[in-house]
Amino acid sequence: MRIITWDDFIETYTKIHQRGLNFIISKLNFSSIKRTVSAFNDDNIKSAN
């Protein structure tokens, strides 16, 4: 069983271009509440899943 796949790299690359590196860094937080807030607090999102 793979923990990290090519799809993970592709998704990360796409998110960096869509939302920026700060978004990816915010996901490395251990607090689940802070990770959730970082996903929904940007008013200038052009697209998101």
Protein backbone atom coordinates (compact mmCIF):
# COMPACT_ATOMS: atom_id res chain seq x y z
CA MET A 1 0.00 0.00 0.00
CA ARG A 2 1.39 3.36 -1.04
CA ILE A 3 1.19 6.28 1.33
CA ILE A 4 2.12 8.91 -1.29
CA THR A 5 1.20 8.50 -4.96
CA TRP A 6 1.76 10.46 -8.17
CA ASP A 7 -1.78 11.78 -7.83
CA ASP A 8 -0.77 13.41 -4.54
CA PHE A 9 2.02 15.30 -6.32
CA ILE A 10 -0.29 16.34 -9.14
CA GLU A 11 -2.97 17.54 -6.71
CA THR A 12 -0.40 19.48 -4.67
CA TYR A 13 1.03 21.11 -7.81
CA THR A 14 -2.49 22.10 -8.92
CA LYS A 15 -3.39 23.57 -5.52
CA ILE A 16 -0.17 25.58 -5.41
CA HIS A 17 -1.13 27.18 -8.72
CA GLN A 18 -4.77 27.71 -7.72
CA ARG A 19 -4.38 28.93 -4.15
CA GLY A 20 -0.67 29.52 -3.52
CA LEU A 21 2.04 28.04 -1.39
CA ASN A 22 0.61 29.54 1.82
CA PHE A 23 -2.47 27.33 1.40
CA ILE A 24 -0.34 24.19 1.22
CA ILE A 25 1.72 25.27 4.23
CA SER A 26 -1.47 25.93 6.21
CA LYS A 27 -2.45 22.27 5.69
CA LEU A 28 0.66 21.11 7.56
CA ASN A 29 -0.86 22.32 10.83
CA PHE A 30 -1.64 19.65 13.45
CA SER A 31 -4.85 21.39 14.55
CA SER A 32 -7.79 20.03 12.54
CA ILE A 33 -9.81 23.19 13.26
CA LYS A 34 -7.08 25.45 11.85
CA ARG A 35 -6.79 23.24 8.74
CA THR A 36 -10.55 23.48 8.19
CA VAL A 37 -10.62 27.25 8.66
CA SER A 38 -7.76 27.63 6.17
CA ALA A 39 -9.82 25.78 3.56
CA PHE A 40 -12.84 28.06 3.79
CA ASN A 41 -11.57 31.50 4.81
CA ASP A 42 -10.43 32.86 1.43
CA ASP A 43 -12.95 35.13 -0.31
CA ASN A 44 -10.84 35.41 -3.48
CA ILE A 45 -10.88 31.73 -4.43
CA LYS A 46 -11.30 31.28 -8.17
CA SER A 47 -11.92 27.54 -7.91
CA ALA A 48 -11.79 24.83 -5.29
CA ASN A 49 -12.92 21.26 -4.80
